[in-house]
C-alpha atoms as a PDB file:
ATOM      1  CA  MET A   1     -40.604  15.383  12.600  1.00  0.00           C
ATOM      2  CA  ARG A   2     -39.136  12.052  13.218  1.00  0.00           C
ATOM      3  CA  LYS A   3     -41.792   8.942  13.611  1.00  0.00           C
ATOM      4  CA  THR A   4     -41.558   7.236  16.978  1.00  0.00           C
ATOM      5  CA  ILE A   5     -44.506   4.705  16.570  1.00  0.00           C
ATOM      6  CA  ILE A   6     -46.106   2.872  13.710  1.00  0.00           C
ATOM      7  CA  VAL A   7     -49.208   0.814  13.592  1.00  0.00           C
ATOM      8  CA  ARG A   8     -48.549  -2.930  12.368  1.00  0.00           C
ATOM      9  CA  ARG A   9     -50.974  -6.064  12.331  1.00  0.00           C
ATOM     10  CA  THR A  10     -50.204  -8.405  15.453  1.00  0.00           C
ATOM     11  CA  VAL A  11     -50.804 -12.276  15.512  1.00  0.00           C
ATOM     12  CA  LYS A  12     -53.569 -12.324  17.738  1.00  0.00           C
ATOM     13  CA  LYS A  13     -55.095  -8.674  18.217  1.00  0.00           C
ATOM     14  CA  GLY A  14     -55.340  -7.352  14.911  1.00  0.00           C
ATOM     15  CA  LEU A  15     -53.668  -3.885  14.516  1.00  0.00           C
ATOM     16  CA  GLY A  16     -51.199  -2.394  17.203  1.00  0.00           C
ATOM     17  CA  VAL A  17     -49.069   0.411  17.858  1.00  0.00           C
ATOM     18  CA  PHE A  18     -45.255  -0.302  17.933  1.00  0.00           C
ATOM     19  CA  ALA A  19     -42.348   1.673  19.032  1.00  0.00           C
ATOM     20  CA  LEU A  20     -39.698   2.827  16.443  1.00  0.00           C
ATOM     21  CA  LYS A  21     -37.348   4.008  19.037  1.00  0.00           C
ATOM     22  CA  ASP A  22     -36.674   3.282  22.619  1.00  0.00           C
ATOM     23  CA  PHE A  23     -38.907   5.035  25.177  1.00  0.00           C
ATOM     24  CA  THR A  24     -37.877   5.770  28.748  1.00  0.00           C
ATOM     25  CA  GLU A  25     -40.036   5.491  31.726  1.00  0.00           C
ATOM     26  CA  GLY A  26     -42.369   8.767  31.957  1.00  0.00           C
ATOM     27  CA  GLU A  27     -41.680   9.720  28.195  1.00  0.00           C
ATOM     28  CA  ILE A  28     -44.601  10.884  25.999  1.00  0.00           C
ATOM     29  CA  VAL A  29     -45.523   8.290  23.412  1.00  0.00           C
ATOM     30  CA  GLU A  30     -48.217   9.950  21.624  1.00  0.00           C
ATOM     31  CA  SER A  31     -50.637  12.920  22.486  1.00  0.00           C
ATOM     32  CA  CYS A  32     -53.936  12.718  20.442  1.00  0.00           C
ATOM     33  CA  PRO A  33     -56.705  15.074  19.948  1.00  0.00           C
ATOM     34  CA  VAL A  34     -60.131  13.624  20.492  1.00  0.00           C
ATOM     35  CA  LEU A  35     -63.675  13.957  19.293  1.00  0.00           C
ATOM     36  CA  THR A  36     -65.918  13.949  22.336  1.00  0.00           C
ATOM     37  CA  PHE A  37     -69.499  12.922  22.586  1.00  0.00           C
ATOM     38  CA  ASP A  38     -72.363  13.344  24.997  1.00  0.00           C
ATOM     39  CA  THR A  39     -74.446  10.487  26.539  1.00  0.00           C
ATOM     40  CA  LYS A  40     -76.631  10.359  23.117  1.00  0.00           C
ATOM     41  CA  GLY A  41     -73.873  10.359  20.996  1.00  0.00           C
ATOM     42  CA  ARG A  42     -72.029   7.470  23.038  1.00  0.00           C
ATOM     43  CA  LYS A  43     -75.144   5.365  22.894  1.00  0.00           C
ATOM     44  CA  ASN A  44     -75.372   6.040  19.011  1.00  0.00           C
ATOM     45  CA  LEU A  45     -71.486   5.102  18.714  1.00  0.00           C
ATOM     46  CA  GLU A  46     -72.239   1.799  20.731  1.00  0.00           C
ATOM     47  CA  LYS A  47     -74.323   0.607  17.967  1.00  0.00           C
ATOM     48  CA  THR A  48     -71.543   0.705  15.546  1.00  0.00           C
ATOM     49  CA  LEU A  49     -68.111  -0.727  14.852  1.00  0.00           C
ATOM     50  CA  LEU A  50     -66.553   2.725  16.673  1.00  0.00           C
ATOM     51  CA  SER A  51     -67.888   1.078  20.057  1.00  0.00           C
ATOM     52  CA  HIS A  52     -64.720  -0.835  20.274  1.00  0.00           C
ATOM     53  CA  TYR A  53     -62.638   2.268  20.025  1.00  0.00           C
ATOM     54  CA  ILE A  54     -64.119   4.825  22.381  1.00  0.00           C
ATOM     55  CA  TYR A  55     -62.903   5.783  25.628  1.00  0.00           C
ATOM     56  CA  PRO A  56     -65.018   7.360  28.662  1.00  0.00           C
ATOM     57  CA  TRP A  57     -64.879  11.047  28.675  1.00  0.00           C
ATOM     58  CA  ARG A  58     -65.427  12.941  32.000  1.00  0.00           C
ATOM     59  CA  SER A  59     -67.855   9.918  32.949  1.00  0.00           C
ATOM     60  CA  THR A  60     -68.452   6.556  31.604  1.00  0.00           C
ATOM     61  CA  ARG A  61     -71.700   8.342  30.096  1.00  0.00           C
ATOM     62  CA  GLY A  62     -69.796  10.489  27.806  1.00  0.00           C
ATOM     63  CA  ALA A  63     -67.139   9.360  25.267  1.00  0.00           C
ATOM     64  CA  ALA A  64     -63.933  10.149  23.320  1.00  0.00           C
ATOM     65  CA  LEU A  65     -62.937   8.712  19.912  1.00  0.00           C
ATOM     66  CA  VAL A  66     -59.273   9.149  20.099  1.00  0.00           C
ATOM     67  CA  LEU A  67     -57.676  10.135  16.891  1.00  0.00           C
ATOM     68  CA  GLY A  68     -53.772   9.697  15.721  1.00  0.00           C
ATOM     69  CA  TYR A  69     -53.238   5.960  16.815  1.00  0.00           C
ATOM     70  CA  GLY A  70     -54.908   6.406  20.151  1.00  0.00           C
ATOM     71  CA  SER A  71     -57.734   4.143  19.685  1.00  0.00           C
ATOM     72  CA  ILE A  72     -55.410   1.392  18.215  1.00  0.00           C
ATOM     73  CA  TYR A  73     -53.429   0.773  21.299  1.00  0.00           C
ATOM     74  CA  ASN A  74     -54.121  -2.859  22.639  1.00  0.00           C
ATOM     75  CA  HIS A  75     -55.070  -4.006  25.866  1.00  0.00           C
ATOM     76  CA  SER A  76     -52.858  -5.545  28.465  1.00  0.00           C
ATOM     77  CA  PHE A  77     -53.248  -6.212  32.123  1.00  0.00           C
ATOM     78  CA  SER A  78     -49.217  -5.791  32.368  1.00  0.00           C
ATOM     79  CA  PRO A  79     -49.072  -2.554  30.361  1.00  0.00           C
ATOM     80  CA  ASN A  80     -45.971  -0.532  29.403  1.00  0.00           C
ATOM     81  CA  ALA A  81     -47.883   2.637  28.544  1.00  0.00           C
ATOM     82  CA  ASP A  82     -50.667   4.454  30.421  1.00  0.00           C
ATOM     83  CA  TRP A  83     -53.289   6.909  29.045  1.00  0.00           C
ATOM     84  CA  LYS A  84     -54.660  10.128  30.778  1.00  0.00           C
ATOM     85  CA  GLN A  85     -57.407  12.430  29.528  1.00  0.00           C
ATOM     86  CA  ASN A  86     -56.440  16.299  29.166  1.00  0.00           C
ATOM     87  CA  PHE A  87     -59.797  18.041  29.308  1.00  0.00           C
ATOM     88  CA  LYS A  88     -58.483  21.461  28.633  1.00  0.00           C
ATOM     89  CA  THR A  89     -56.613  20.736  25.572  1.00  0.00           C
ATOM     90  CA  LYS A  90     -59.180  17.757  24.588  1.00  0.00           C
ATOM     91  CA  ASN A  91     -56.145  15.401  24.073  1.00  0.00           C
ATOM     92  CA  MET A  92     -55.310  11.772  25.328  1.00  0.00           C
ATOM     93  CA  VAL A  93     -51.812  11.631  26.332  1.00  0.00           C
ATOM     94  CA  TYR A  94     -50.007   8.181  26.225  1.00  0.00           C
ATOM     95  CA  ARG A  95     -47.015   8.036  28.313  1.00  0.00           C
ATOM     96  CA  ALA A  96     -44.650   5.207  28.901  1.00  0.00           C
ATOM     97  CA  ILE A  97     -44.667   3.755  32.295  1.00  0.00           C
ATOM     98  CA  LYS A  98     -41.810   1.350  31.983  1.00  0.00           C
ATOM     99  CA  SER A  99     -39.049   1.348  29.473  1.00  0.00           C
ATOM    100  CA  ILE A 100     -40.216   0.312  26.025  1.00  0.00           C
ATOM    101  CA  LYS A 101     -37.671  -0.999  23.630  1.00  0.00           C
ATOM    102  CA  LYS A 102     -37.863  -0.314  19.747  1.00  0.00           C
ATOM    103  CA  GLY A 103     -39.732  -3.047  17.730  1.00  0.00           C
ATOM    104  CA  GLU A 104     -41.965  -3.599  21.144  1.00  0.00           C
ATOM    105  CA  GLU A 105     -45.857  -3.398  21.143  1.00  0.00           C
ATOM    106  CA  ILE A 106     -47.012  -0.295  23.225  1.00  0.00           C
ATOM    107  CA  THR A 107     -50.295  -1.781  25.326  1.00  0.00           C
ATOM    108  CA  VAL A 108     -52.293  -0.018  27.811  1.00  0.00           C
ATOM    109  CA  ASN A 109     -54.723  -1.135  30.385  1.00  0.00           C
ATOM    110  CA  TYR A 110     -58.424  -0.295  29.060  1.00  0.00           C
ATOM    111  CA  ASN A 111     -59.407  -0.086  32.748  1.00  0.00           C
ATOM    112  CA  GLY A 112     -57.874   3.468  32.894  1.00  0.00           C
ATOM    113  CA  GLU A 113     -55.301   2.588  35.729  1.00  0.00           C
ATOM    114  CA  PRO A 114     -52.042   0.224  34.862  1.00  0.00           C
ATOM    115  CA  ASP A 115     -52.727  -2.164  37.717  1.00  0.00           C
ATOM    116  CA  ASP A 116     -56.547  -2.437  37.652  1.00  0.00           C
ATOM    117  CA  ILE A 117     -57.037  -6.471  36.914  1.00  0.00           C
ATOM    118  CA  THR A 118     -60.789  -6.058  36.789  1.00  0.00           C
ATOM    119  CA  GLU A 119     -62.249  -8.165  34.274  1.00  0.00           C
ATOM    120  CA  ILE A 120     -63.218  -6.647  30.795  1.00  0.00           C
ATOM    121  CA  ASP A 121     -66.545  -7.665  30.109  1.00  0.00           C
ATOM    122  CA  TRP A 122     -66.982  -6.221  26.399  1.00  0.00           C
ATOM    123  CA  PHE A 123     -64.401  -8.218  24.820  1.00  0.00           C
ATOM    124  CA  GLU A 124     -62.391 -11.348  25.382  1.00  0.00           C
ATOM    125  CA  VAL A 125     -59.008 -10.418  26.522  1.00  0.00           C
ATOM    126  CA  LYS A 126     -56.063 -12.390  24.516  1.00  0.00           C
ATOM    127  CA  LYS A 127     -52.710 -12.859  25.698  1.00  0.00           C
END
């Protein structure tokens, strides 16, 4: 299997996911298995470093810890990828929403929708 993405350190955001090839709009970048947590499990995760790496699952009371590189994608209000939950397979699917060039960082909007510019209250957005 050919490696198509890699984790690298960024200047301002810590770790990030970068393209090792060109991706076309609509192409799947990565499909990641998830570990799911109920409300009690989410509350326990929120007391740890993992609180910055969880996604909502089925509701904002549940949580998913995304394996693969899923929990490492950085946020952008103008992302080049999107994430969707696949409840049937318990996977998080990351898909290019515009062309992504080899070497470019792959970003998603943490708000869930690529065009949602609602302020994020749990961390400072670095540009």
